[in-house]
Amino acid sequence: MRQWFAALMLLSAGSVSAEENVMLVLDASGSMWGQIDGKAKIEIAREAVDQLAVNWKSENRLGLVAYGHRRKGDCTDIETLFAPQPLDAAALRDQVRTLNPKGMTPLSAAVIQAAEVLKSSEQKATVILISDGEETCNLDPCAVGKELEKNGVDFTAHVIGFDVSNPAHQAQLRCLAENTGGQYFNARDAKGLSGSLTAAVAVSTEARLPAATASISAPDKAPIVTSIRVSFEGPGDDGDFIGIYPTAPSDAGELGYVWIKDADRDGSTELAMPAEPGRYELRYFSPLREPNVLARRTIEVTPSAVSISGPAQAVAASTIEIQASGPVSGSHWIGFAPSGSGNGAYLDYLRPQAGESRYSLRTPVEAGNYELRYVLNESESVAARQTIKILPAEATIEAPAQVKAGEMVTIRARGPVAQGNWIGFAPAGSEPGAYLGYDDIRGEDESYEIRAPEEAGDYELRFMVYSSDRVLASRPIKVLP
């Protein structure tokens, strides 16, 4: 039987440290309503905390700090919900479920507050921070980490970056962890968050294990964003994973990883390659051991053909046909972004499909200079791009000046066609989003039959464009009794 599998079966027999004080700092800022695979990040975090409660060891104490859950735009919105205490699992679950994300991301100040609460115990203390983005309240996480370490508190911060794709934001969080002697975990999805939280808790509460050996077997080369089969042997401790890292700088974080506990029983697993060609290193990482890296193996990630093309210019809020070819995955996308914007910027987009090379895409609502992009691994790399100029859209409406209440009205509209564009009635002078009867725009020059409002009064016919409050054209119309 392989070494790693045997170790997995014996995990519960390992020695544990004395009781530990752990403070969980949870991001409840507005961005936690963002979704991963159709589920809000705050809901994924709640489920991960539920699992933490199931596995929590009774000899350790847990506290909870949250930020961004009470007020918008307030960098002081940080609350110690309870200090470290024996775990009441039901109370923890209930408390986390009441958090309503809405505010800023004062992660550095939240860690400082957690450290102050822990300092009063005068015992070794650990913070586990879960954050989905950068500091937004003018403190430097790196400097905060150094200051906390310098103040002499026996304090460590382990940081979990949840759905943090921007390398600069990852570096910010990693620096906070490393400056306090902690570890950084990069969680891209629900499984990643649950595994990272399990690993962070293990590192915070378990006794360090002696040095161990491991090995990795994998191909010498692989194309970008493909998955390869990696075989390994190792101890299989809680939190162990196989990751892929840049060879430079030497302290760069992992670009992808697979938890050992999720590997096949034969000691192998699938690992996705990065989106940029180059020389990388596969590592067996064991957070409970020192040194942490038990095995290394270099791999060359090679280029893959990626292309995208479309018209040189198009009308705003219309539909264009484009051609694109390249890797297919649920983490890649084809779409629009403003010219000169970062890899993570996007407007309308779609996912590439196997066997497809032609796609229909909605143009941006605002005129200006844009790029068509083929983006890999959400925002890791723009593999192909083409500039495109978006021209202002125009529309006209032809209709009678007055109609009877409730009767069908023939309306002619000319303007751009895109999914979500519509023409319809709205009360005169009402907000742009108001509407009564309407119909979807089906052609650039088309007639529509729309029922007039049942109540007499002054109204407008409006030509609206998708995903905005933009009234592209309007015409007054009086509805008679």
Protein backbone atom coordinates (compact mmCIF):
# COMPACT_ATOMS: atom_id res chain seq x y z
CA MET A 1 0.00 0.00 0.00
CA ARG A 2 1.31 3.41 -0.88
CA GLN A 3 2.77 5.58 1.85
CA TRP A 4 0.30 8.45 1.36
CA PHE A 5 -2.79 6.22 1.60
CA ALA A 6 -1.58 4.56 4.77
CA ALA A 7 -0.96 7.95 6.33
CA LEU A 8 -4.46 9.12 5.47
CA MET A 9 -5.90 6.19 7.40
CA LEU A 10 -3.79 7.08 10.44
CA LEU A 11 -4.40 10.84 10.58
CA SER A 12 -6.55 10.69 13.68
CA ALA A 13 -3.76 8.98 15.58
CA GLY A 14 -1.35 11.93 15.19
CA SER A 15 -0.33 14.00 18.18
CA VAL A 16 -1.98 17.36 18.75
CA SER A 17 -0.73 20.51 20.37
CA ALA A 18 -2.05 22.04 23.57
CA GLU A 19 -5.31 23.95 23.40
CA GLU A 20 -5.17 26.79 20.87
CA ASN A 21 -6.94 30.13 20.52
CA VAL A 22 -8.02 30.71 16.92
CA MET A 23 -9.82 33.78 15.60
CA LEU A 24 -11.66 33.39 12.30
CA VAL A 25 -11.86 36.71 10.40
CA LEU A 26 -14.55 36.51 7.73
CA ASP A 27 -14.97 38.82 4.75
CA ALA A 28 -18.60 39.96 4.54
CA SER A 29 -17.97 42.88 2.17
CA GLY A 30 -20.30 43.56 -0.75
CA SER A 31 -18.19 41.58 -3.22
CA MET A 32 -19.06 38.37 -1.37
CA TRP A 33 -22.39 38.42 -3.24
CA GLY A 34 -20.38 37.59 -6.36
CA GLN A 35 -20.96 34.09 -7.65
CA ILE A 36 -18.84 31.02 -8.38
CA ASP A 37 -20.54 28.30 -10.41
CA GLY A 38 -23.91 29.93 -9.80
CA LYS A 39 -23.61 30.18 -6.01
CA ALA A 40 -22.91 33.34 -3.98
CA LYS A 41 -19.47 33.39 -2.36
CA ILE A 42 -20.98 34.21 1.03
CA GLU A 43 -23.08 31.04 0.80
CA ILE A 44 -19.99 29.00 -0.09
CA ALA A 45 -18.21 30.53 2.91
CA ARG A 46 -21.14 29.62 5.18
CA GLU A 47 -20.94 26.00 4.04
CA ALA A 48 -17.17 25.93 4.62
CA VAL A 49 -17.65 27.26 8.16
CA ASP A 50 -20.33 24.61 8.75
CA GLN A 51 -17.76 21.96 7.83
CA LEU A 52 -15.18 23.59 10.09
CA ALA A 53 -17.63 23.27 12.99
CA VAL A 54 -18.18 19.57 12.27
CA ASN A 55 -14.44 18.82 12.39
CA TRP A 56 -13.44 21.20 15.20
CA LYS A 57 -11.61 19.59 18.13
CA SER A 58 -13.14 20.35 21.51
CA GLU A 59 -9.84 21.22 23.23
CA ASN A 60 -9.39 24.31 21.00
CA ARG A 61 -11.18 27.65 21.28
CA LEU A 62 -12.62 29.64 18.37
CA GLY A 63 -13.59 33.30 17.99
CA LEU A 64 -15.19 35.20 15.12
CA VAL A 65 -14.63 38.64 13.61
CA ALA A 66 -16.52 39.88 10.53
CA TYR A 67 -16.23 43.02 8.44
CA GLY A 68 -18.30 44.83 5.83
CA HIS A 69 -21.62 43.31 6.95
CA ARG A 70 -23.47 46.28 8.46
CA ARG A 71 -22.79 49.49 6.52
CA LYS A 72 -21.81 50.51 3.01
CA GLY A 73 -18.69 52.63 2.52
CA ASP A 74 -17.61 52.42 6.18
CA CYS A 75 -14.04 51.31 6.89
CA THR A 76 -14.84 50.97 10.61
CA ASP A 77 -17.47 48.30 9.97
CA ILE A 78 -15.61 45.56 11.88
CA GLU A 79 -17.27 43.53 14.62
CA THR A 80 -15.93 41.00 17.10
CA LEU A 81 -18.90 38.64 17.22
CA PHE A 82 -17.35 36.54 19.96
CA ALA A 83 -13.92 36.08 21.52
CA PRO A 84 -12.19 32.68 21.45
CA GLN A 85 -14.22 30.20 23.47
CA PRO A 86 -15.17 26.51 23.42
CA LEU A 87 -17.04 26.00 20.17
CA ASP A 88 -20.82 26.24 20.16
CA ALA A 89 -21.38 24.89 16.64
CA ALA A 90 -25.02 25.97 16.40
CA ALA A 91 -24.22 29.51 17.57
CA LEU A 92 -21.36 29.76 15.05
CA ARG A 93 -23.57 28.63 12.18
CA ASP A 94 -26.38 31.00 13.18
CA GLN A 95 -24.00 33.93 13.52
CA VAL A 96 -22.41 33.37 10.10
CA ARG A 97 -25.82 32.95 8.46
CA THR A 98 -26.93 36.39 9.70
CA LEU A 99 -24.05 38.17 7.93
CA ASN A 100 -25.35 40.30 5.05
CA PRO A 101 -22.48 41.44 2.79
CA LYS A 102 -22.71 45.10 1.83
CA GLY A 103 -19.61 47.17 2.69
CA MET A 104 -15.89 47.78 2.30
CA THR A 105 -12.89 45.45 2.79
CA PRO A 106 -10.93 46.71 5.85
CA LEU A 107 -9.09 43.40 6.12
CA SER A 108 -5.94 44.86 7.73
CA ALA A 109 -7.86 46.66 10.48
CA ALA A 110 -9.93 43.52 11.05
CA VAL A 111 -6.77 41.47 11.58
CA ILE A 112 -5.44 44.14 13.97
CA GLN A 113 -8.70 44.00 15.95
CA ALA A 114 -8.56 40.20 16.07
CA ALA A 115 -4.94 40.36 17.25
CA GLU A 116 -5.89 42.78 20.04
CA VAL A 117 -8.62 40.43 21.27
CA LEU A 118 -6.19 37.51 21.20
CA LYS A 119 -3.40 39.51 22.87
CA SER A 120 -5.46 39.84 26.04
CA SER A 121 -5.20 36.08 26.59
CA GLU A 122 -1.38 36.29 26.67
CA GLN A 123 -1.24 32.89 24.98
CA LYS A 124 -0.17 31.75 21.54
CA ALA A 125 -2.82 32.98 19.13
CA THR A 126 -3.73 32.47 15.49
CA VAL A 127 -5.92 34.36 13.03
CA ILE A 128 -7.42 32.69 9.96
CA LEU A 129 -8.49 35.36 7.49
CA ILE A 130 -10.83 34.60 4.58
CA SER A 131 -10.93 37.44 2.04
CA ASP A 132 -12.09 37.64 -1.57
CA GLY A 133 -10.21 40.80 -2.53
CA GLU A 134 -7.77 43.57 -1.88
CA GLU A 135 -7.59 45.95 1.05
CA THR A 136 -9.92 48.91 0.29
CA CYS A 137 -9.38 51.01 3.42
CA ASN A 138 -5.92 52.56 3.01
CA LEU A 139 -3.88 50.23 5.20
CA ASP A 140 -1.00 48.16 3.86
CA PRO A 141 -1.43 44.46 4.78
CA CYS A 142 2.32 43.87 4.42
CA ALA A 143 3.15 46.67 6.85
CA VAL A 144 0.43 45.55 9.25
CA GLY A 145 1.86 42.02 9.26
CA LYS A 146 5.35 43.33 10.05
CA GLU A 147 4.05 45.58 12.82
CA LEU A 148 2.08 42.80 14.49
CA GLU A 149 5.11 40.52 14.37
CA LYS A 150 7.37 43.25 15.74
CA ASN A 151 5.04 43.95 18.67
CA GLY A 152 6.03 40.63 20.15
CA VAL A 153 2.64 38.98 20.39
CA ASP A 154 2.87 35.23 19.79
CA PHE A 155 0.63 35.78 16.81
CA THR A 156 0.29 34.12 13.41
CA ALA A 157 -2.06 34.96 10.53
CA HIS A 158 -2.97 32.32 7.96
CA VAL A 159 -4.73 33.89 4.99
CA ILE A 160 -7.13 32.30 2.50
CA GLY A 161 -7.58 34.25 -0.72
CA PHE A 162 -11.03 33.25 -1.96
CA ASP A 163 -11.59 33.77 -5.69
CA VAL A 164 -8.68 36.24 -5.83
CA SER A 165 -7.44 36.06 -9.43
CA ASN A 166 -5.43 39.30 -9.52
CA PRO A 167 -1.73 38.45 -8.84
CA ALA A 168 -1.16 41.82 -7.12
CA HIS A 169 -4.05 41.21 -4.74
CA GLN A 170 -2.79 37.67 -4.06
CA ALA A 171 0.67 39.08 -3.28
CA GLN A 172 -0.88 41.53 -0.80
CA LEU A 173 -2.62 38.75 1.10
CA ARG A 174 0.39 36.43 0.91
CA CYS A 175 2.62 39.14 2.36
CA LEU A 176 0.32 39.59 5.37
CA ALA A 177 0.51 35.86 6.09
CA GLU A 178 4.25 35.45 5.58
CA ASN A 179 5.16 38.54 7.62
CA THR A 180 3.51 36.93 10.66
CA GLY A 181 4.99 33.49 10.02
CA GLY A 182 1.74 32.21 8.55
CA GLN A 183 0.77 30.52 5.30
CA TYR A 184 -1.27 31.70 2.33
CA PHE A 185 -3.86 29.47 0.66
CA ASN A 186 -5.39 30.27 -2.72
CA ALA A 187 -8.99 29.01 -3.00
CA ARG A 188 -10.69 29.32 -6.39
CA ASP A 189 -13.98 27.57 -5.65
CA ALA A 190 -16.08 25.81 -3.00
CA LYS A 191 -13.83 22.75 -2.83
CA GLY A 192 -10.77 24.99 -2.64
CA LEU A 193 -12.21 27.06 0.21
CA SER A 194 -13.24 24.02 2.23
CA GLY A 195 -9.84 22.38 1.74
CA SER A 196 -7.95 25.60 2.49
CA LEU A 197 -9.91 26.17 5.69
CA THR A 198 -9.26 22.58 6.78
CA ALA A 199 -5.54 23.03 6.10
CA ALA A 200 -5.40 26.40 7.88
CA VAL A 201 -7.11 24.94 10.95
CA ALA A 202 -4.72 21.98 10.94
CA VAL A 203 -1.69 24.29 10.75
CA SER A 204 -3.16 26.42 13.54
CA THR A 205 -4.01 23.63 15.98
CA GLU A 206 -1.99 20.50 15.19
CA ALA A 207 1.52 19.74 16.43
CA ARG A 208 4.24 19.95 13.79
CA LEU A 209 5.24 16.62 12.28
CA PRO A 210 8.79 15.43 11.57
CA ALA A 211 10.41 15.67 8.15
CA ALA A 212 9.13 13.21 5.54
CA THR A 213 9.91 12.14 1.99
CA ALA A 214 7.73 12.24 -1.10
CA SER A 215 8.03 11.87 -4.87
CA ILE A 216 6.27 13.22 -7.97
CA SER A 217 6.01 11.70 -11.44
CA ALA A 218 4.65 13.72 -14.39
CA PRO A 219 5.30 14.46 -18.09
CA ASP A 220 8.25 16.68 -19.00
CA LYS A 221 6.03 18.96 -21.12
CA ALA A 222 2.36 19.93 -21.42
CA PRO A 223 0.42 22.61 -23.37
CA ILE A 224 -1.06 25.62 -21.56
CA VAL A 225 -4.36 25.12 -19.65
CA THR A 226 -4.45 21.37 -20.32
CA SER A 227 -4.76 18.84 -17.49
CA ILE A 228 -2.05 16.26 -16.90
CA ARG A 229 -1.93 13.11 -14.80
CA VAL A 230 0.45 13.45 -11.82
CA SER A 231 1.46 10.42 -9.75
CA PHE A 232 2.94 10.82 -6.29
CA GLU A 233 3.95 9.19 -3.04
CA GLY A 234 3.97 11.01 0.28
CA PRO A 235 2.63 11.10 3.85
CA GLY A 236 -0.89 12.34 2.97
CA ASP A 237 -1.23 14.61 6.01
CA ASP A 238 -4.25 16.84 6.47
CA GLY A 239 -3.83 19.81 4.11
CA ASP A 240 -1.22 18.22 1.81
CA PHE A 241 -1.48 19.15 -1.86
CA ILE A 242 0.28 18.95 -5.22
CA GLY A 243 0.76 22.43 -6.70
CA ILE A 244 2.33 24.05 -9.73
CA TYR A 245 4.55 27.10 -9.18
CA PRO A 246 6.58 29.57 -11.27
CA THR A 247 10.30 28.86 -11.03
CA ALA A 248 10.91 32.57 -10.46
CA PRO A 249 10.54 34.32 -8.15
CA SER A 250 11.25 31.47 -5.78
CA ASP A 251 8.65 32.65 -3.24
CA ALA A 252 5.79 32.96 -5.75
CA GLY A 253 2.56 31.21 -4.82
CA GLU A 254 0.94 28.22 -6.46
CA LEU A 255 -0.96 28.80 -9.73
CA GLY A 256 -3.01 25.65 -9.34
CA TYR A 257 -3.24 22.73 -6.95
CA VAL A 258 -5.04 19.52 -6.05
CA TRP A 259 -5.63 18.30 -2.50
CA ILE A 260 -4.09 14.92 -1.76
CA LYS A 261 -7.30 13.87 -0.01
CA ASP A 262 -9.14 14.29 -3.34
CA ALA A 263 -6.66 12.19 -5.34
CA ASP A 264 -7.41 8.75 -6.75
CA ARG A 265 -6.68 5.72 -4.59
CA ASP A 266 -3.78 4.75 -6.86
CA GLY A 267 -1.88 7.88 -5.81
CA SER A 268 -2.51 9.99 -8.90
CA THR A 269 -4.53 13.07 -9.79
CA GLU A 270 -5.34 15.52 -12.59
CA LEU A 271 -3.67 18.93 -12.40
CA ALA A 272 -4.41 21.89 -14.71
CA MET A 273 -1.51 23.75 -16.31
CA PRO A 274 -1.11 27.57 -16.16
CA ALA A 275 -2.22 29.87 -18.97
CA GLU A 276 1.25 31.28 -19.69
CA PRO A 277 3.98 29.21 -21.41
CA GLY A 278 7.22 28.76 -19.49
CA ARG A 279 9.16 26.65 -17.03
CA TYR A 280 7.32 25.66 -13.85
CA GLU A 281 7.77 23.40 -10.84
CA LEU A 282 5.44 20.75 -9.45
CA ARG A 283 5.68 20.50 -5.66
CA TYR A 284 4.36 18.19 -2.98
CA PHE A 285 3.45 20.66 -0.21
CA SER A 286 2.78 19.57 3.38
CA PRO A 287 1.84 22.51 5.67
CA LEU A 288 2.20 20.45 8.87
CA ARG A 289 5.82 19.53 8.20
CA GLU A 290 9.10 21.39 8.14
CA PRO A 291 10.35 21.80 5.50
CA ASN A 292 6.94 22.12 3.81
CA VAL A 293 8.06 21.13 0.31
CA LEU A 294 8.65 17.37 0.28
CA ALA A 295 9.24 16.86 -3.46
CA ARG A 296 9.80 18.93 -6.62
CA ARG A 297 9.71 18.28 -10.36
CA THR A 298 10.15 20.75 -13.22
CA ILE A 299 7.77 20.85 -16.20
CA GLU A 300 7.77 22.88 -19.41
CA VAL A 301 4.40 24.45 -20.26
CA THR A 302 4.23 24.99 -24.02
CA PRO A 303 2.15 27.45 -26.12
CA SER A 304 -1.16 26.55 -27.71
CA ALA A 305 -2.78 28.20 -30.75
CA VAL A 306 -5.42 30.75 -29.72
CA SER A 307 -7.11 33.29 -32.02
CA ILE A 308 -10.03 35.72 -32.10
CA SER A 309 -11.28 37.94 -34.93
CA GLY A 310 -14.26 40.14 -35.68
CA PRO A 311 -15.19 43.38 -37.45
CA ALA A 312 -12.99 46.47 -37.06
CA GLN A 313 -16.01 48.49 -35.93
CA ALA A 314 -19.62 47.95 -34.92
CA VAL A 315 -22.62 49.83 -33.54
CA ALA A 316 -23.19 49.96 -29.78
CA ALA A 317 -25.80 47.62 -28.25
CA SER A 318 -25.92 45.48 -31.39
CA THR A 319 -24.88 41.91 -32.19
CA ILE A 320 -21.77 40.88 -34.12
CA GLU A 321 -20.42 37.60 -35.42
CA ILE A 322 -16.88 36.67 -34.37
CA GLN A 323 -14.53 33.76 -34.95
CA ALA A 324 -12.48 32.27 -32.13
CA SER A 325 -10.46 29.12 -31.58
CA GLY A 326 -8.48 27.86 -28.62
CA PRO A 327 -8.74 25.80 -25.42
CA VAL A 328 -12.21 24.96 -24.13
CA SER A 329 -13.06 25.14 -20.43
CA GLY A 330 -15.63 26.60 -18.08
CA SER A 331 -12.91 28.96 -16.80
CA HIS A 332 -12.09 30.51 -20.20
CA TRP A 333 -14.14 33.26 -21.87
CA ILE A 334 -14.54 35.18 -25.11
CA GLY A 335 -15.82 38.73 -24.95
CA PHE A 336 -15.37 42.49 -24.78
CA ALA A 337 -13.15 44.56 -22.50
CA PRO A 338 -12.21 48.27 -22.59
CA SER A 339 -8.93 48.92 -24.42
CA GLY A 340 -5.98 49.06 -22.05
CA SER A 341 -7.87 47.47 -19.14
CA GLY A 342 -6.47 44.68 -16.96
CA ASN A 343 -6.88 40.97 -17.60
CA GLY A 344 -9.84 40.78 -15.24
CA ALA A 345 -11.91 43.48 -16.96
CA TYR A 346 -14.88 42.30 -19.00
CA LEU A 347 -18.23 43.36 -20.40
CA ASP A 348 -20.42 40.95 -22.35
CA TYR A 349 -18.83 37.49 -22.70
CA LEU A 350 -19.51 33.81 -23.34
CA ARG A 351 -17.72 30.51 -22.75
CA PRO A 352 -15.98 28.75 -25.66
CA GLN A 353 -17.61 25.48 -26.71
CA ALA A 354 -16.02 22.31 -28.09
CA GLY A 355 -16.34 22.09 -31.88
CA GLU A 356 -17.46 25.72 -32.22
CA SER A 357 -15.52 28.53 -33.92
CA ARG A 358 -18.26 31.09 -34.72
CA TYR A 359 -20.03 33.03 -31.98
CA SER A 360 -22.59 35.84 -31.67
CA LEU A 361 -21.68 38.52 -29.15
CA ARG A 362 -23.43 41.67 -27.95
CA THR A 363 -21.44 44.87 -28.40
CA PRO A 364 -20.97 47.28 -25.46
CA VAL A 365 -23.68 49.85 -24.77
CA GLU A 366 -21.23 52.78 -24.68
CA ALA A 367 -19.34 53.97 -27.77
CA GLY A 368 -15.54 53.87 -27.54
CA ASN A 369 -12.43 51.76 -28.07
CA TYR A 370 -12.57 48.13 -26.97
CA GLU A 371 -10.90 44.77 -27.42
CA LEU A 372 -12.27 41.38 -28.32
CA ARG A 373 -10.45 38.94 -26.00
CA TYR A 374 -9.90 35.23 -25.57
CA VAL A 375 -9.10 34.95 -21.86
CA LEU A 376 -7.78 31.84 -20.11
CA ASN A 377 -8.43 30.75 -16.51
CA GLU A 378 -10.89 33.61 -15.86
CA SER A 379 -8.28 36.39 -15.90
CA GLU A 380 -4.88 34.71 -15.72
CA SER A 381 -3.92 35.43 -19.33
CA VAL A 382 -5.31 37.22 -22.39
CA ALA A 383 -4.26 34.66 -25.00
CA ALA A 384 -5.61 36.55 -28.05
CA ARG A 385 -7.07 39.99 -28.66
CA GLN A 386 -8.29 42.30 -31.42
CA THR A 387 -9.12 46.00 -31.21
CA ILE A 388 -12.63 47.11 -32.22
CA LYS A 389 -14.23 50.55 -32.35
CA ILE A 390 -17.80 50.82 -31.11
CA LEU A 391 -19.86 53.57 -32.74
CA PRO A 392 -22.80 55.38 -31.09
CA ALA A 393 -26.17 53.70 -31.56
CA GLU A 394 -29.21 55.51 -32.95
CA ALA A 395 -32.89 54.57 -32.98
CA THR A 396 -36.22 55.97 -34.21
CA ILE A 397 -39.84 55.20 -33.34
CA GLU A 398 -42.93 55.71 -35.51
CA ALA A 399 -46.35 55.50 -33.85
CA PRO A 400 -49.67 57.36 -33.63
CA ALA A 401 -49.83 60.44 -31.40
CA GLN A 402 -52.76 59.00 -29.45
CA VAL A 403 -54.47 55.65 -28.95
CA LYS A 404 -57.32 54.21 -26.93
CA ALA A 405 -56.67 52.48 -23.61
CA GLY A 406 -56.10 48.75 -23.93
CA GLU A 407 -56.04 48.62 -27.74
CA MET A 408 -53.28 47.04 -29.83
CA VAL A 409 -50.94 49.66 -31.31
CA THR A 410 -48.77 49.22 -34.42
CA ILE A 411 -45.30 50.65 -33.80
CA ARG A 412 -42.33 50.78 -36.15
CA ALA A 413 -38.84 50.88 -34.67
CA ARG A 414 -35.41 51.19 -36.23
CA GLY A 415 -32.28 50.56 -34.18
CA PRO A 416 -29.67 48.03 -33.05
CA VAL A 417 -30.60 44.41 -32.39
CA ALA A 418 -29.27 42.56 -29.33
CA GLN A 419 -30.72 40.20 -26.76
CA GLY A 420 -32.27 42.40 -24.06
CA ASN A 421 -33.07 45.41 -26.28
CA TRP A 422 -36.80 46.25 -26.16
CA ILE A 423 -39.48 48.74 -27.11
CA GLY A 424 -42.50 49.54 -24.97
CA PHE A 425 -44.71 51.92 -23.01
CA ALA A 426 -43.65 53.84 -19.89
CA PRO A 427 -45.39 56.60 -17.92
CA ALA A 428 -44.29 60.03 -19.17
CA GLY A 429 -41.34 61.35 -17.14
CA SER A 430 -40.81 58.06 -15.27
CA GLU A 431 -37.45 56.52 -14.42
CA PRO A 432 -35.64 54.87 -17.38
CA GLY A 433 -36.27 51.38 -16.01
CA ALA A 434 -40.05 51.80 -15.83
CA TYR A 435 -42.19 49.94 -18.35
CA LEU A 436 -45.70 48.63 -19.03
CA GLY A 437 -46.35 46.66 -22.22
CA TYR A 438 -43.23 45.89 -24.29
CA ASP A 439 -41.74 43.66 -26.98
CA ASP A 440 -38.20 42.49 -27.72
CA ILE A 441 -36.38 44.13 -30.62
CA ARG A 442 -36.26 41.54 -33.42
CA GLY A 443 -34.82 43.44 -36.39
CA GLU A 444 -33.14 46.68 -37.38
CA ASP A 445 -36.36 47.90 -39.08
CA GLU A 446 -39.39 46.11 -37.72
CA SER A 447 -43.08 46.58 -36.87
CA TYR A 448 -44.50 45.57 -33.49
CA GLU A 449 -47.98 45.13 -32.06
CA ILE A 450 -48.07 46.23 -28.41
CA ARG A 451 -51.13 46.69 -26.20
CA ALA A 452 -51.61 50.20 -24.84
CA PRO A 453 -51.95 50.72 -21.06
CA GLU A 454 -55.43 50.24 -19.60
CA GLU A 455 -55.33 53.57 -17.78
CA ALA A 456 -55.68 56.82 -19.72
CA GLY A 457 -52.88 59.38 -19.46
CA ASP A 458 -49.60 60.62 -20.88
CA TYR A 459 -47.02 57.98 -21.79
CA GLU A 460 -43.84 57.47 -23.79
CA LEU A 461 -42.78 54.79 -26.22
CA ARG A 462 -39.15 53.95 -25.48
CA PHE A 463 -36.41 52.07 -27.31
CA MET A 464 -34.24 50.60 -24.52
CA VAL A 465 -30.89 48.81 -24.75
CA TYR A 466 -29.83 45.79 -22.70
CA SER A 467 -28.39 45.85 -19.19
CA SER A 468 -28.70 49.59 -18.80
CA ASP A 469 -31.07 52.48 -18.18
CA ARG A 470 -30.19 53.93 -21.58
CA VAL A 471 -33.23 55.32 -23.45
CA LEU A 472 -31.99 55.24 -27.03
CA ALA A 473 -35.14 56.85 -28.45
CA SER A 474 -38.51 57.98 -27.10
CA ARG A 475 -41.78 59.32 -28.47
CA PRO A 476 -44.72 60.80 -26.52
CA ILE A 477 -48.07 59.06 -26.89
CA LYS A 478 -51.42 59.91 -25.29
CA VAL A 479 -53.72 57.13 -24.13
CA LEU A 480 -57.41 58.08 -24.27
CA PRO A 481 -60.20 56.55 -22.16
